[in-house]
Amino acid sequence: MIIRVRVIPNAKESDVVGRIGSTVRLKVAAPAIDGKANIELCRFLADFFEVRPRSVKIVRGEKGREKTVEIEGRTEEELKSVMESIP
């Protein structure tokens, strides 16, 4: 499954903020320095979707706030049901 995310780095804790259309807004508890925010983003999404960390890959936007992320490890239906729980 491919999702679009907008990342807000340097937050107190990683959390889902909400959605704007099909883009998921996330806060990550890491600064946007040396890829630390990307590592935290992948770790958080792996926990959120209950997949292994290596099943989450940033496929576009590694240096920007808008990213395209690929998530594997569960069926498309399971991942969509988790996405639908986001307000």
C-alpha atoms as a PDB file:
ATOM      1  CA  MET A   1       0.000   0.000   0.000  1.00  0.00           C
ATOM      2  CA  ILE A   2       1.262   3.469  -0.879  1.00  0.00           C
ATOM      3  CA  ILE A   3       0.337   6.428   1.339  1.00  0.00           C
ATOM      4  CA  ARG A   4       1.186  10.109   1.274  1.00  0.00           C
ATOM      5  CA  VAL A   5       2.278  11.722   4.520  1.00  0.00           C
ATOM      6  CA  ARG A   6       3.091  15.248   5.664  1.00  0.00           C
ATOM      7  CA  VAL A   7       5.645  15.185   8.462  1.00  0.00           C
ATOM      8  CA  ILE A   8       5.938  17.683  11.312  1.00  0.00           C
ATOM      9  CA  PRO A   9       9.400  17.063  12.829  1.00  0.00           C
ATOM     10  CA  ASN A  10      10.701  17.898  16.306  1.00  0.00           C
ATOM     11  CA  ALA A  11       7.486  17.100  18.196  1.00  0.00           C
ATOM     12  CA  LYS A  12       7.398  15.956  21.825  1.00  0.00           C
ATOM     13  CA  GLU A  13       6.053  12.568  20.746  1.00  0.00           C
ATOM     14  CA  SER A  14       5.243  10.823  17.485  1.00  0.00           C
ATOM     15  CA  ASP A  15       1.536  10.795  16.710  1.00  0.00           C
ATOM     16  CA  VAL A  16      -1.053  11.008  13.953  1.00  0.00           C
ATOM     17  CA  VAL A  17      -2.463  14.529  13.667  1.00  0.00           C
ATOM     18  CA  GLY A  18      -5.173  13.756  11.118  1.00  0.00           C
ATOM     19  CA  ARG A  19      -5.843  13.684   7.409  1.00  0.00           C
ATOM     20  CA  ILE A  20      -6.203  16.257   4.702  1.00  0.00           C
ATOM     21  CA  GLY A  21      -7.828  14.416   1.818  1.00  0.00           C
ATOM     22  CA  SER A  22      -5.651  11.388   1.181  1.00  0.00           C
ATOM     23  CA  THR A  23      -2.571  12.816   2.942  1.00  0.00           C
ATOM     24  CA  VAL A  24      -1.904  11.698   6.518  1.00  0.00           C
ATOM     25  CA  ARG A  25      -0.404  14.363   8.808  1.00  0.00           C
ATOM     26  CA  LEU A  26       2.092  13.019  11.371  1.00  0.00           C
ATOM     27  CA  LYS A  27       4.220  14.489  14.141  1.00  0.00           C
ATOM     28  CA  VAL A  28       7.557  12.775  14.712  1.00  0.00           C
ATOM     29  CA  ALA A  29       9.707  13.009  17.838  1.00  0.00           C
ATOM     30  CA  ALA A  30      12.977  13.595  16.005  1.00  0.00           C
ATOM     31  CA  PRO A  31      14.666  16.557  14.346  1.00  0.00           C
ATOM     32  CA  ALA A  32      14.914  16.830  10.573  1.00  0.00           C
ATOM     33  CA  ILE A  33      18.697  16.438  10.731  1.00  0.00           C
ATOM     34  CA  ASP A  34      20.770  13.599   9.237  1.00  0.00           C
ATOM     35  CA  GLY A  35      17.660  11.546   8.395  1.00  0.00           C
ATOM     36  CA  LYS A  36      16.598  11.155  12.038  1.00  0.00           C
ATOM     37  CA  ALA A  37      13.012  12.235  11.296  1.00  0.00           C
ATOM     38  CA  ASN A  38      12.804   9.695   8.457  1.00  0.00           C
ATOM     39  CA  ILE A  39      14.006   6.894  10.730  1.00  0.00           C
ATOM     40  CA  GLU A  40      11.462   7.860  13.396  1.00  0.00           C
ATOM     41  CA  LEU A  41       8.728   8.144  10.742  1.00  0.00           C
ATOM     42  CA  CYS A  42       9.389   4.590   9.513  1.00  0.00           C
ATOM     43  CA  ARG A  43       9.538   3.249  13.086  1.00  0.00           C
ATOM     44  CA  PHE A  44       6.286   4.988  14.026  1.00  0.00           C
ATOM     45  CA  LEU A  45       4.446   3.832  10.888  1.00  0.00           C
ATOM     46  CA  ALA A  46       5.648   0.251  11.462  1.00  0.00           C
ATOM     47  CA  ASP A  47       4.189   0.361  14.989  1.00  0.00           C
ATOM     48  CA  PHE A  48       0.997   2.084  13.824  1.00  0.00           C
ATOM     49  CA  PHE A  49       0.300  -0.434  11.038  1.00  0.00           C
ATOM     50  CA  GLU A  50       1.690  -3.347  13.089  1.00  0.00           C
ATOM     51  CA  VAL A  51       4.283  -4.415  10.520  1.00  0.00           C
ATOM     52  CA  ARG A  52       8.031  -4.941  10.731  1.00  0.00           C
ATOM     53  CA  PRO A  53      10.168  -1.808  10.414  1.00  0.00           C
ATOM     54  CA  ARG A  54      11.764  -3.085   7.207  1.00  0.00           C
ATOM     55  CA  SER A  55       8.265  -3.236   5.651  1.00  0.00           C
ATOM     56  CA  VAL A  56       8.067   0.581   5.626  1.00  0.00           C
ATOM     57  CA  LYS A  57       9.991   2.405   2.893  1.00  0.00           C
ATOM     58  CA  ILE A  58      10.075   6.041   1.853  1.00  0.00           C
ATOM     59  CA  VAL A  59       9.794   5.963  -1.936  1.00  0.00           C
ATOM     60  CA  ARG A  60       9.608   9.714  -2.617  1.00  0.00           C
ATOM     61  CA  GLY A  61      10.298  12.926  -0.703  1.00  0.00           C
ATOM     62  CA  GLU A  62      13.103  11.792   1.561  1.00  0.00           C
ATOM     63  CA  LYS A  63      14.352  15.366   2.061  1.00  0.00           C
ATOM     64  CA  GLY A  64      10.990  17.146   2.189  1.00  0.00           C
ATOM     65  CA  ARG A  65       8.015  17.212   4.514  1.00  0.00           C
ATOM     66  CA  GLU A  66       5.693  15.659   1.924  1.00  0.00           C
ATOM     67  CA  LYS A  67       6.594  11.996   1.489  1.00  0.00           C
ATOM     68  CA  THR A  68       5.276   8.946  -0.309  1.00  0.00           C
ATOM     69  CA  VAL A  69       5.626   5.810   1.813  1.00  0.00           C
ATOM     70  CA  GLU A  70       5.180   2.164   0.845  1.00  0.00           C
ATOM     71  CA  ILE A  71       3.900  -0.204   3.530  1.00  0.00           C
ATOM     72  CA  GLU A  72       4.026  -3.982   3.133  1.00  0.00           C
ATOM     73  CA  GLY A  73       3.599  -6.959   5.436  1.00  0.00           C
ATOM     74  CA  ARG A  74      -0.206  -7.055   5.722  1.00  0.00           C
ATOM     75  CA  THR A  75      -3.032  -7.401   3.244  1.00  0.00           C
ATOM     76  CA  GLU A  76      -4.346  -4.334   1.453  1.00  0.00           C
ATOM     77  CA  GLU A  77      -7.694  -4.685   3.265  1.00  0.00           C
ATOM     78  CA  GLU A  78      -6.020  -4.760   6.703  1.00  0.00           C
ATOM     79  CA  LEU A  79      -3.955  -1.680   5.916  1.00  0.00           C
ATOM     80  CA  LYS A  80      -6.999   0.177   4.553  1.00  0.00           C
ATOM     81  CA  SER A  81      -8.975  -0.584   7.699  1.00  0.00           C
ATOM     82  CA  VAL A  82      -6.172   0.950   9.797  1.00  0.00           C
ATOM     83  CA  MET A  83      -6.161   4.002   7.479  1.00  0.00           C
ATOM     84  CA  GLU A  84      -9.926   4.414   7.896  1.00  0.00           C
ATOM     85  CA  SER A  85      -9.478   4.736  11.661  1.00  0.00           C
ATOM     86  CA  ILE A  86      -7.552   8.000  11.158  1.00  0.00           C
ATOM     87  CA  PRO A  87      -9.871  11.006  11.661  1.00  0.00           C
END
